[in-house]
Amino acid sequence: MLSPDELERYARHIVLRDVGGPGQAALKRASALVIGAGGLGAPALMYLAAAGIGTLGVVDDDVVSLSNLQRQVIHTTPDIGRHKVESAAERIAALNPHVRFVGHATWLNADNAPSLIGDYDLVLDGSDNFSTRYLVSDACFFAKRPLITAALGTFDGSLTTIRAHETNEQGEFNPTYRCLFPEAPPPGTVPACAEAGVMGALAGVMGSMMALEAIREIVGFGDGLVGRLLMIDARAMRFETLRYARDPANPLNGDGPVMTDLSAHRT
């Protein structure tokens, strides 16, 4: 049930024909885990909280630095030096006290990923490194959790949804993250954000779209991004969508799967 305060707070959602009271109630029952409270995670967290998701978790072991504030809008100048999960908790509580916030001030690894991810209905990956992206995608597959994953370049971004543990209308498994990107690029070939830079407002766009896709997955309206990669070129303000399919050779749900757990991520 939605309280009178919640009915007023979410009124603009409730009058949407594709959301309504049942959709808003579904959001209240749902839980989402955001990987990273940075450039992508910050706006995603804020819009999910504003939308009224019931439980919102975040995994991040980092502290706020001055250079973060150009794009990580959930943190403020007085938060410099604080753990990001702490400053995020305060901002979420101020935005929407109806949301249960859970901060996990830890580094995601092969040992804790199954339990952390398994506690939530869906996952949004806003991490900034390939090792974490592959770990999250593999862990979501084994935990049977939907994954919304995004990536940022300097003036470009991409977004897709992975439901590789499920089958499509033809009875075939949906593609995995590894079907889209079979292997991570060699170390050093993709410069880090600190080296190449990133447009702050673009992080806001991509993080907000992650939240939108998560809300879509929970409420069930429209067509999601399973099997489709949305790409944004901010220089030309161009949006393109690439379709991709399951790779029979992928190690998770391919014709001859060889990965049965996360042991490959333990080093």
Protein backbone atom coordinates (compact mmCIF):
# COMPACT_ATOMS: atom_id res chain seq x y z
CA MET A 1 0.00 0.00 0.00
CA LEU A 2 1.09 3.54 -0.74
CA SER A 3 0.70 6.10 2.04
CA PRO A 4 -0.98 9.48 1.39
CA ASP A 5 2.46 11.07 1.34
CA GLU A 6 3.67 8.56 -1.24
CA LEU A 7 0.56 9.05 -3.37
CA GLU A 8 1.35 12.75 -3.58
CA ARG A 9 5.10 12.24 -4.02
CA TYR A 10 4.67 9.82 -6.93
CA ALA A 11 1.57 11.47 -8.43
CA ARG A 12 3.25 12.14 -11.78
CA HIS A 13 4.12 8.46 -12.08
CA ILE A 14 0.72 7.24 -10.98
CA VAL A 15 -1.11 9.23 -13.65
CA LEU A 16 1.06 7.65 -16.34
CA ARG A 17 -1.06 4.97 -18.01
CA ASP A 18 1.93 2.61 -18.31
CA VAL A 19 2.86 2.94 -14.63
CA GLY A 20 -0.16 3.77 -12.49
CA GLY A 21 -0.68 2.58 -8.94
CA PRO A 22 0.33 -1.04 -9.66
CA GLY A 23 3.59 0.08 -11.28
CA GLN A 24 4.43 2.37 -8.40
CA ALA A 25 3.66 -0.39 -5.94
CA ALA A 26 6.00 -2.68 -7.90
CA LEU A 27 8.75 -0.10 -7.52
CA LYS A 28 8.14 0.05 -3.79
CA ARG A 29 8.48 -3.74 -3.53
CA ALA A 30 11.64 -3.86 -5.65
CA SER A 31 15.29 -3.73 -4.68
CA ALA A 32 18.23 -2.66 -6.82
CA LEU A 33 21.98 -2.79 -6.30
CA VAL A 34 24.15 -0.13 -7.94
CA ILE A 35 27.81 -0.95 -8.49
CA GLY A 36 29.71 2.28 -7.94
CA ALA A 37 28.55 5.65 -6.60
CA GLY A 38 30.54 7.51 -9.26
CA GLY A 39 29.73 9.25 -12.53
CA LEU A 40 27.16 6.67 -13.65
CA GLY A 41 26.02 5.45 -10.27
CA ALA A 42 25.37 8.90 -8.78
CA PRO A 43 22.53 9.96 -11.10
CA ALA A 44 21.20 6.39 -11.26
CA LEU A 45 20.95 6.30 -7.46
CA MET A 46 19.20 9.66 -7.28
CA TYR A 47 16.59 8.88 -9.92
CA LEU A 48 15.89 5.43 -8.53
CA ALA A 49 15.42 6.94 -5.09
CA ALA A 50 13.19 9.68 -6.50
CA ALA A 51 11.16 7.02 -8.32
CA GLY A 52 10.42 5.28 -5.03
CA ILE A 53 12.30 2.02 -5.29
CA GLY A 54 11.87 0.12 -2.04
CA THR A 55 15.46 -0.86 -1.28
CA LEU A 56 18.48 0.73 -2.88
CA GLY A 57 21.99 -0.62 -2.31
CA VAL A 58 25.36 0.60 -3.52
CA VAL A 59 28.78 -1.04 -3.55
CA ASP A 60 31.73 1.36 -3.41
CA ASP A 61 34.84 1.38 -1.23
CA ASP A 62 36.14 4.74 -2.45
CA VAL A 63 36.14 8.16 -0.81
CA VAL A 64 35.01 11.44 -2.35
CA SER A 65 37.72 13.55 -3.98
CA LEU A 66 37.52 17.05 -5.43
CA SER A 67 37.92 15.80 -9.00
CA ASN A 68 34.81 13.59 -8.56
CA LEU A 69 32.48 16.55 -8.19
CA GLN A 70 32.56 17.48 -11.89
CA ARG A 71 30.20 14.55 -12.58
CA GLN A 72 29.36 12.60 -9.40
CA VAL A 73 26.40 14.77 -8.47
CA ILE A 74 25.30 12.79 -5.42
CA HIS A 75 28.34 14.12 -3.52
CA THR A 76 29.09 17.71 -2.50
CA THR A 77 32.17 19.74 -1.57
CA PRO A 78 31.80 19.15 2.21
CA ASP A 79 31.84 15.38 1.49
CA ILE A 80 35.46 15.38 0.29
CA GLY A 81 37.33 12.67 2.18
CA ARG A 82 34.18 10.83 3.25
CA HIS A 83 33.24 7.36 2.06
CA LYS A 84 30.99 7.65 -0.97
CA VAL A 85 28.43 5.29 0.52
CA GLU A 86 28.09 7.65 3.51
CA SER A 87 27.53 10.80 1.49
CA ALA A 88 25.20 8.91 -0.85
CA ALA A 89 23.18 7.68 2.13
CA GLU A 90 22.63 11.23 3.37
CA ARG A 91 21.61 12.53 -0.03
CA ILE A 92 19.17 9.66 -0.61
CA ALA A 93 17.62 10.08 2.84
CA ALA A 94 17.12 13.79 2.20
CA LEU A 95 15.60 13.11 -1.22
CA ASN A 96 13.22 10.30 -0.27
CA PRO A 97 12.87 8.98 3.30
CA HIS A 98 10.66 6.13 2.04
CA VAL A 99 13.65 4.43 0.42
CA ARG A 100 15.67 1.92 2.43
CA PHE A 101 19.31 2.60 1.60
CA VAL A 102 22.07 0.03 2.15
CA GLY A 103 25.69 1.03 1.69
CA HIS A 104 28.34 -1.63 1.09
CA ALA A 105 31.72 0.05 1.61
CA THR A 106 33.70 -2.77 0.08
CA TRP A 107 35.42 -3.79 -3.12
CA LEU A 108 33.34 -6.25 -5.12
CA ASN A 109 35.15 -9.55 -5.62
CA ALA A 110 34.46 -13.16 -6.51
CA ASP A 111 33.88 -14.06 -2.86
CA ASN A 112 31.33 -11.42 -1.91
CA ALA A 113 29.63 -10.88 -5.29
CA PRO A 114 27.21 -13.86 -5.07
CA SER A 115 25.77 -12.85 -1.71
CA LEU A 116 25.65 -9.13 -2.46
CA ILE A 117 24.00 -9.54 -5.85
CA GLY A 118 21.72 -12.32 -4.66
CA ASP A 119 20.14 -10.00 -2.08
CA TYR A 120 18.67 -7.70 -4.75
CA ASP A 121 16.15 -8.02 -7.58
CA LEU A 122 18.33 -6.40 -10.22
CA VAL A 123 21.76 -4.82 -10.63
CA LEU A 124 23.02 -1.65 -12.29
CA ASP A 125 26.72 -1.69 -13.11
CA GLY A 126 28.36 1.72 -13.22
CA SER A 127 31.89 0.49 -12.60
CA ASP A 128 34.86 2.01 -14.40
CA ASN A 129 37.03 -1.04 -15.08
CA PHE A 130 36.71 -4.16 -17.21
CA SER A 131 37.53 -6.69 -14.52
CA THR A 132 34.58 -5.53 -12.41
CA ARG A 133 32.24 -5.46 -15.42
CA TYR A 134 32.98 -9.07 -16.29
CA LEU A 135 32.72 -10.13 -12.66
CA VAL A 136 29.36 -8.41 -12.25
CA SER A 137 27.94 -9.82 -15.48
CA ASP A 138 29.07 -13.36 -14.65
CA ALA A 139 27.79 -13.09 -11.07
CA CYS A 140 24.39 -11.83 -12.28
CA PHE A 141 24.16 -14.82 -14.63
CA PHE A 142 24.79 -17.32 -11.85
CA ALA A 143 22.50 -15.44 -9.42
CA LYS A 144 19.81 -15.19 -12.14
CA ARG A 145 19.52 -11.43 -11.79
CA PRO A 146 18.86 -8.89 -14.57
CA LEU A 147 21.77 -6.53 -15.23
CA ILE A 148 21.72 -3.01 -16.63
CA THR A 149 25.27 -2.12 -17.61
CA ALA A 150 26.69 1.11 -19.02
CA ALA A 151 30.08 2.47 -19.99
CA LEU A 152 31.49 5.93 -20.58
CA GLY A 153 34.12 7.21 -22.96
CA THR A 154 35.29 10.79 -23.32
CA PHE A 155 32.29 11.94 -25.39
CA ASP A 156 30.51 8.62 -25.90
CA GLY A 157 28.57 6.12 -23.90
CA SER A 158 26.77 2.79 -24.22
CA LEU A 159 24.00 0.97 -22.40
CA THR A 160 22.43 -2.48 -22.54
CA THR A 161 20.40 -4.90 -20.43
CA ILE A 162 21.47 -8.49 -19.83
CA ARG A 163 19.02 -11.25 -18.95
CA ALA A 164 21.22 -14.16 -20.04
CA HIS A 165 19.71 -16.55 -17.49
CA GLU A 166 16.36 -16.33 -19.32
CA THR A 167 15.14 -17.42 -22.73
CA ASN A 168 13.47 -15.37 -25.45
CA GLU A 169 10.18 -16.02 -27.27
CA GLN A 170 11.91 -18.63 -29.46
CA GLY A 171 13.06 -20.55 -26.40
CA GLU A 172 16.71 -19.55 -26.91
CA PHE A 173 18.90 -18.10 -24.19
CA ASN A 174 19.34 -14.33 -24.27
CA PRO A 175 22.87 -13.08 -25.00
CA THR A 176 25.41 -12.58 -22.24
CA TYR A 177 27.76 -9.65 -21.76
CA ARG A 178 30.46 -11.94 -23.12
CA CYS A 179 28.46 -12.35 -26.33
CA LEU A 180 28.77 -8.61 -26.84
CA PHE A 181 32.35 -8.28 -25.60
CA PRO A 182 34.02 -11.72 -25.59
CA GLU A 183 37.24 -10.43 -24.04
CA ALA A 184 38.43 -7.31 -22.31
CA PRO A 185 40.82 -5.12 -24.32
CA PRO A 186 44.52 -5.55 -23.51
CA PRO A 187 45.70 -3.54 -20.50
CA GLY A 188 46.73 -0.02 -21.41
CA THR A 189 44.78 0.16 -24.66
CA VAL A 190 41.83 2.03 -23.14
CA PRO A 191 42.93 5.08 -21.11
CA ALA A 192 41.39 5.60 -17.71
CA CYS A 193 39.08 8.52 -16.98
CA ALA A 194 41.86 10.36 -15.15
CA GLU A 195 44.02 10.19 -18.27
CA ALA A 196 41.51 10.77 -21.09
CA GLY A 197 38.85 12.80 -19.28
CA VAL A 198 35.08 12.51 -19.48
CA MET A 199 32.26 14.96 -20.11
CA GLY A 200 30.43 15.33 -16.80
CA ALA A 201 26.97 15.98 -18.22
CA LEU A 202 27.27 12.83 -20.36
CA ALA A 203 27.71 10.79 -17.18
CA GLY A 204 24.45 12.31 -15.99
CA VAL A 205 22.67 11.34 -19.20
CA MET A 206 23.92 7.75 -19.12
CA GLY A 207 23.28 7.28 -15.40
CA SER A 208 19.75 8.62 -15.78
CA MET A 209 19.14 6.24 -18.67
CA MET A 210 20.35 3.37 -16.50
CA ALA A 211 17.72 4.33 -13.93
CA LEU A 212 15.07 4.58 -16.65
CA GLU A 213 15.94 1.12 -17.93
CA ALA A 214 15.81 -0.28 -14.38
CA ILE A 215 12.38 1.28 -13.82
CA ARG A 216 11.24 -0.20 -17.13
CA GLU A 217 12.44 -3.65 -16.07
CA ILE A 218 10.55 -3.40 -12.76
CA VAL A 219 7.31 -1.86 -14.04
CA GLY A 220 7.27 -3.65 -17.39
CA PHE A 221 6.43 -0.96 -19.92
CA GLY A 222 7.84 -0.51 -23.42
CA ASP A 223 10.69 -2.41 -25.04
CA GLY A 224 13.86 -2.94 -23.04
CA LEU A 225 17.46 -3.21 -24.19
CA VAL A 226 17.91 -6.98 -23.99
CA GLY A 227 19.93 -7.90 -27.08
CA ARG A 228 20.35 -4.25 -28.03
CA LEU A 229 23.27 -1.92 -27.33
CA LEU A 230 22.36 1.77 -27.18
CA MET A 231 25.29 3.98 -28.20
CA ILE A 232 25.52 7.73 -27.75
CA ASP A 233 27.90 10.09 -29.54
CA ALA A 234 27.75 13.33 -27.57
CA ARG A 235 29.83 15.26 -30.10
CA ALA A 236 27.26 14.73 -32.85
CA MET A 237 24.33 14.24 -30.42
CA ARG A 238 23.62 10.97 -32.20
CA PHE A 239 21.90 7.90 -30.75
CA GLU A 240 22.26 4.50 -32.44
CA THR A 241 21.15 1.01 -31.49
CA LEU A 242 23.09 -2.15 -32.35
CA ARG A 243 21.40 -5.54 -32.13
CA TYR A 244 23.45 -8.46 -30.87
CA ALA A 245 22.65 -12.12 -30.34
CA ARG A 246 23.77 -15.02 -28.21
CA ASP A 247 27.17 -16.37 -29.19
CA PRO A 248 27.04 -20.20 -29.21
CA ALA A 249 30.69 -20.19 -28.14
CA ASN A 250 30.20 -18.01 -25.06
CA PRO A 251 31.34 -19.75 -21.86
CA LEU A 252 28.17 -19.15 -19.80
CA ASN A 253 25.09 -20.26 -21.75
CA GLY A 254 26.75 -21.32 -25.01
CA ASP A 255 26.41 -24.69 -26.64
CA GLY A 256 29.26 -26.01 -24.51
CA PRO A 257 29.41 -23.85 -21.35
CA VAL A 258 32.70 -24.05 -19.49
CA MET A 259 32.08 -21.54 -16.68
CA THR A 260 30.08 -22.89 -13.75
CA ASP A 261 31.15 -20.45 -11.02
CA LEU A 262 33.27 -17.34 -10.37
CA SER A 263 36.54 -19.16 -9.77
CA ALA A 264 38.06 -17.59 -12.90
CA HIS A 265 37.82 -14.21 -11.20
CA ARG A 266 39.91 -15.29 -8.23
CA THR A 267 43.57 -14.30 -8.61
